[in-house]
């Protein structure tokens, strides 16, 4: 469901972006890892300095790809939302 909604959202934004379930699993694992080892800015996980670089994060995915996933990750299908319901994206 997440892959379908994310790819559909990217298409709605006229982007050639596409993802897979394996890539989204890796993306969420990276998000969980960054919460266990917080840094002031997300880009620091890919810095080449010893005090902030996280080899597990930087070796798993390029920063630009991670940023693309952050931009296009989507859960709700914008085409099938109830009209007039402002909370439809967060309702079960």
N, C-alpha and C. Protein backbone atom coordinates (compact mmCIF):
# COMPACT_ATOMS: atom_id res chain seq x y z
N UNK A 1 0.82 -1.19 0.00
CA UNK A 1 0.00 0.00 0.00
C UNK A 1 0.87 1.26 0.00
N UNK A 2 1.93 1.26 0.81
CA UNK A 2 2.82 2.42 0.87
C UNK A 2 3.55 2.65 -0.45
N UNK A 3 4.00 1.57 -1.06
CA UNK A 3 4.71 1.69 -2.35
C UNK A 3 3.77 2.26 -3.40
N UNK A 4 2.57 1.73 -3.45
CA UNK A 4 1.59 2.20 -4.44
C UNK A 4 1.26 3.68 -4.22
N UNK A 5 0.99 4.07 -2.97
CA UNK A 5 0.64 5.46 -2.68
C UNK A 5 1.81 6.41 -2.94
N UNK A 6 3.02 5.98 -2.61
CA UNK A 6 4.20 6.82 -2.83
C UNK A 6 4.47 7.00 -4.32
N UNK A 7 4.42 5.91 -5.07
CA UNK A 7 4.65 6.01 -6.51
C UNK A 7 3.56 6.85 -7.20
N UNK A 8 2.32 6.70 -6.74
CA UNK A 8 1.22 7.48 -7.31
C UNK A 8 1.40 8.97 -7.01
N UNK A 9 1.82 9.30 -5.79
CA UNK A 9 2.04 10.68 -5.40
C UNK A 9 3.16 11.31 -6.23
N UNK A 10 4.24 10.56 -6.44
CA UNK A 10 5.34 11.07 -7.26
C UNK A 10 4.87 11.31 -8.70
N UNK A 11 4.04 10.42 -9.20
CA UNK A 11 3.49 10.60 -10.55
C UNK A 11 2.61 11.83 -10.62
N UNK A 12 1.81 12.08 -9.57
CA UNK A 12 0.96 13.27 -9.52
C UNK A 12 1.80 14.55 -9.51
N UNK A 13 3.00 14.46 -8.98
CA UNK A 13 3.92 15.60 -8.94
C UNK A 13 4.80 15.68 -10.18
N UNK A 14 4.47 14.89 -11.21
CA UNK A 14 5.20 14.86 -12.48
C UNK A 14 6.67 14.51 -12.30
N UNK A 15 6.92 13.54 -11.45
CA UNK A 15 8.28 13.08 -11.19
C UNK A 15 8.46 11.68 -11.76
N UNK A 16 9.66 11.35 -12.15
CA UNK A 16 9.97 10.01 -12.62
C UNK A 16 10.36 9.09 -11.48
N UNK A 17 10.15 9.53 -10.26
CA UNK A 17 10.50 8.77 -9.06
C UNK A 17 9.67 7.50 -8.95
N UNK A 18 10.31 6.43 -8.51
CA UNK A 18 9.63 5.17 -8.26
C UNK A 18 10.39 4.44 -7.16
N UNK A 19 9.68 3.70 -6.34
CA UNK A 19 10.32 2.96 -5.26
C UNK A 19 9.77 1.54 -5.20
N UNK A 20 10.37 0.74 -4.34
CA UNK A 20 9.94 -0.65 -4.17
C UNK A 20 9.73 -0.94 -2.68
N UNK A 21 9.15 -2.08 -2.38
CA UNK A 21 8.92 -2.42 -0.98
C UNK A 21 10.23 -2.64 -0.23
N UNK A 22 11.23 -3.21 -0.89
CA UNK A 22 12.53 -3.40 -0.24
C UNK A 22 13.18 -2.06 0.11
N UNK A 23 13.08 -1.11 -0.81
CA UNK A 23 13.67 0.20 -0.57
C UNK A 23 12.94 0.93 0.56
N UNK A 24 11.63 0.79 0.63
CA UNK A 24 10.88 1.42 1.72
C UNK A 24 11.20 0.77 3.06
N UNK A 25 11.41 -0.54 3.08
CA UNK A 25 11.83 -1.20 4.33
C UNK A 25 13.16 -0.64 4.81
N UNK A 26 14.10 -0.48 3.89
CA UNK A 26 15.40 0.10 4.22
C UNK A 26 15.24 1.54 4.71
N UNK A 27 14.40 2.30 4.04
CA UNK A 27 14.14 3.69 4.41
C UNK A 27 13.62 3.78 5.84
N UNK A 28 12.63 2.95 6.20
CA UNK A 28 12.09 2.98 7.56
C UNK A 28 13.12 2.49 8.59
N UNK A 29 13.93 1.53 8.24
CA UNK A 29 15.00 1.08 9.14
C UNK A 29 15.98 2.22 9.39
N UNK A 30 16.27 2.99 8.35
CA UNK A 30 17.16 4.14 8.50
C UNK A 30 16.52 5.20 9.39
N UNK A 31 15.24 5.44 9.24
CA UNK A 31 14.55 6.41 10.10
C UNK A 31 14.61 5.98 11.57
N UNK A 32 14.38 4.68 11.82
CA UNK A 32 14.46 4.19 13.20
C UNK A 32 15.87 4.34 13.75
N UNK A 33 16.87 4.07 12.94
CA UNK A 33 18.26 4.19 13.37
C UNK A 33 18.60 5.64 13.70
N UNK A 34 18.14 6.56 12.88
CA UNK A 34 18.45 7.97 13.14
C UNK A 34 17.77 8.47 14.41
N UNK A 35 16.65 7.88 14.80
CA UNK A 35 16.00 8.28 16.05
C UNK A 35 16.76 7.75 17.25
N UNK A 36 17.47 6.64 17.11
CA UNK A 36 18.27 6.08 18.21
C UNK A 36 19.58 6.85 18.39
N UNK A 37 20.05 7.48 17.33
CA UNK A 37 21.29 8.23 17.36
C UNK A 37 21.03 9.61 16.75
N UNK A 38 20.32 10.50 17.46
CA UNK A 38 19.92 11.77 16.86
C UNK A 38 21.08 12.74 16.65
N UNK A 39 21.02 13.44 15.54
CA UNK A 39 21.96 14.50 15.21
C UNK A 39 21.15 15.76 14.91
N UNK A 40 21.77 16.94 15.01
CA UNK A 40 21.02 18.18 14.80
C UNK A 40 20.42 18.33 13.41
N UNK A 41 21.10 17.81 12.40
CA UNK A 41 20.60 17.89 11.02
C UNK A 41 20.73 16.53 10.36
N UNK A 42 19.76 16.18 9.54
CA UNK A 42 19.74 14.88 8.89
C UNK A 42 20.96 14.68 7.99
N UNK A 43 21.42 15.70 7.32
CA UNK A 43 22.55 15.57 6.39
C UNK A 43 23.85 15.14 7.08
N UNK A 44 23.93 15.35 8.38
CA UNK A 44 25.16 14.99 9.09
C UNK A 44 25.44 13.49 9.08
N UNK A 45 24.43 12.66 8.91
CA UNK A 45 24.64 11.21 8.87
C UNK A 45 25.52 10.80 7.69
N UNK A 46 25.61 11.63 6.68
CA UNK A 46 26.42 11.34 5.50
C UNK A 46 27.72 12.16 5.44
N UNK A 47 27.99 12.98 6.45
CA UNK A 47 29.21 13.78 6.49
C UNK A 47 30.43 12.86 6.59
N UNK A 48 31.56 13.33 6.13
CA UNK A 48 32.79 12.53 6.16
C UNK A 48 33.66 12.81 7.37
N UNK A 49 33.10 13.34 8.43
CA UNK A 49 33.86 13.56 9.65
C UNK A 49 33.58 12.43 10.64
N UNK A 50 34.60 12.05 11.37
CA UNK A 50 34.49 10.89 12.27
C UNK A 50 33.49 11.07 13.40
N UNK A 51 33.26 12.30 13.83
CA UNK A 51 32.40 12.51 14.99
C UNK A 51 30.90 12.40 14.68
N UNK A 52 30.49 12.52 13.42
CA UNK A 52 29.06 12.46 13.11
C UNK A 52 28.69 11.43 12.04
N UNK A 53 29.62 10.99 11.22
CA UNK A 53 29.28 10.07 10.14
C UNK A 53 28.76 8.75 10.70
N UNK A 54 27.68 8.27 10.12
CA UNK A 54 27.11 6.99 10.49
C UNK A 54 27.28 6.07 9.28
N UNK A 55 28.20 5.13 9.39
CA UNK A 55 28.53 4.25 8.27
C UNK A 55 27.33 3.39 7.87
N UNK A 56 26.54 2.97 8.83
CA UNK A 56 25.37 2.15 8.52
C UNK A 56 24.38 2.93 7.66
N UNK A 57 24.17 4.19 7.97
CA UNK A 57 23.24 5.03 7.20
C UNK A 57 23.83 5.39 5.85
N UNK A 58 25.04 5.93 5.85
CA UNK A 58 25.63 6.40 4.60
C UNK A 58 25.94 5.25 3.64
N UNK A 59 26.19 4.06 4.17
CA UNK A 59 26.46 2.92 3.31
C UNK A 59 25.20 2.25 2.77
N UNK A 60 24.08 2.48 3.42
CA UNK A 60 22.83 1.83 3.03
C UNK A 60 22.17 2.52 1.83
N UNK A 61 22.24 3.86 1.80
CA UNK A 61 21.53 4.60 0.76
C UNK A 61 22.20 5.97 0.59
N UNK A 62 22.24 6.45 -0.63
CA UNK A 62 22.78 7.78 -0.90
C UNK A 62 21.86 8.84 -0.28
N UNK A 63 22.47 9.93 0.15
CA UNK A 63 21.68 11.00 0.77
C UNK A 63 20.63 11.56 -0.18
N UNK A 64 20.97 11.71 -1.44
CA UNK A 64 20.01 12.26 -2.40
C UNK A 64 18.80 11.35 -2.57
N UNK A 65 19.03 10.05 -2.55
CA UNK A 65 17.91 9.11 -2.67
C UNK A 65 17.04 9.15 -1.41
N UNK A 66 17.67 9.22 -0.24
CA UNK A 66 16.93 9.34 1.00
C UNK A 66 16.08 10.61 1.00
N UNK A 67 16.65 11.71 0.53
CA UNK A 67 15.90 12.97 0.44
C UNK A 67 14.71 12.86 -0.52
N UNK A 68 14.90 12.14 -1.62
CA UNK A 68 13.78 11.92 -2.54
C UNK A 68 12.67 11.12 -1.87
N UNK A 69 13.04 10.08 -1.15
CA UNK A 69 12.03 9.30 -0.44
C UNK A 69 11.30 10.15 0.59
N UNK A 70 12.03 11.00 1.30
CA UNK A 70 11.39 11.90 2.26
C UNK A 70 10.41 12.83 1.55
N UNK A 71 10.74 13.26 0.35
CA UNK A 71 9.89 14.18 -0.39
C UNK A 71 8.62 13.50 -0.89
N UNK A 72 8.70 12.26 -1.32
CA UNK A 72 7.56 11.61 -1.98
C UNK A 72 6.83 10.56 -1.15
N UNK A 73 7.32 10.22 0.05
CA UNK A 73 6.64 9.21 0.85
C UNK A 73 5.20 9.67 1.11
N UNK A 74 4.29 8.75 0.88
CA UNK A 74 2.88 9.11 0.99
C UNK A 74 2.09 7.89 1.41
N UNK A 75 1.06 8.12 2.20
CA UNK A 75 0.26 7.01 2.69
C UNK A 75 -1.14 7.04 2.10
N UNK A 76 -1.72 8.21 2.01
CA UNK A 76 -3.11 8.33 1.53
C UNK A 76 -3.16 8.50 0.01
N UNK A 77 -4.22 8.02 -0.59
CA UNK A 77 -4.47 8.20 -2.02
C UNK A 77 -5.25 9.50 -2.18
N UNK A 78 -4.61 10.53 -2.68
CA UNK A 78 -5.24 11.84 -2.81
C UNK A 78 -6.45 11.83 -3.75
N UNK A 79 -6.50 10.90 -4.67
CA UNK A 79 -7.61 10.84 -5.62
C UNK A 79 -8.89 10.28 -5.00
N UNK A 80 -8.78 9.56 -3.89
CA UNK A 80 -9.95 8.91 -3.29
C UNK A 80 -10.25 9.41 -1.87
N UNK A 81 -9.93 10.65 -1.58
CA UNK A 81 -10.23 11.21 -0.27
C UNK A 81 -11.64 11.76 -0.24
N UNK A 82 -12.34 11.57 0.87
CA UNK A 82 -13.70 12.14 0.99
C UNK A 82 -13.65 13.67 0.94
N UNK A 83 -14.54 14.25 0.18
CA UNK A 83 -14.60 15.70 0.06
C UNK A 83 -15.14 16.30 1.36
N UNK A 84 -14.50 17.34 1.82
CA UNK A 84 -14.95 18.05 3.01
C UNK A 84 -14.42 17.50 4.31
N UNK A 85 -13.74 16.38 4.31
CA UNK A 85 -13.18 15.80 5.53
C UNK A 85 -11.71 16.19 5.64
N UNK A 86 -11.40 17.17 6.48
CA UNK A 86 -10.03 17.67 6.61
C UNK A 86 -9.08 16.66 7.25
N UNK A 87 -9.63 15.68 7.95
CA UNK A 87 -8.80 14.69 8.63
C UNK A 87 -8.77 13.35 7.92
N UNK A 88 -9.19 13.30 6.69
CA UNK A 88 -9.30 12.02 5.98
C UNK A 88 -7.96 11.33 5.80
N UNK A 89 -6.85 12.08 5.74
CA UNK A 89 -5.55 11.45 5.56
C UNK A 89 -5.06 10.75 6.82
N UNK A 90 -5.61 11.11 7.96
CA UNK A 90 -5.14 10.50 9.21
C UNK A 90 -6.17 9.58 9.85
N UNK A 91 -7.33 9.45 9.24
CA UNK A 91 -8.34 8.53 9.77
C UNK A 91 -7.97 7.10 9.37
N UNK A 92 -8.31 6.12 10.24
CA UNK A 92 -8.03 4.72 9.89
C UNK A 92 -8.79 4.30 8.66
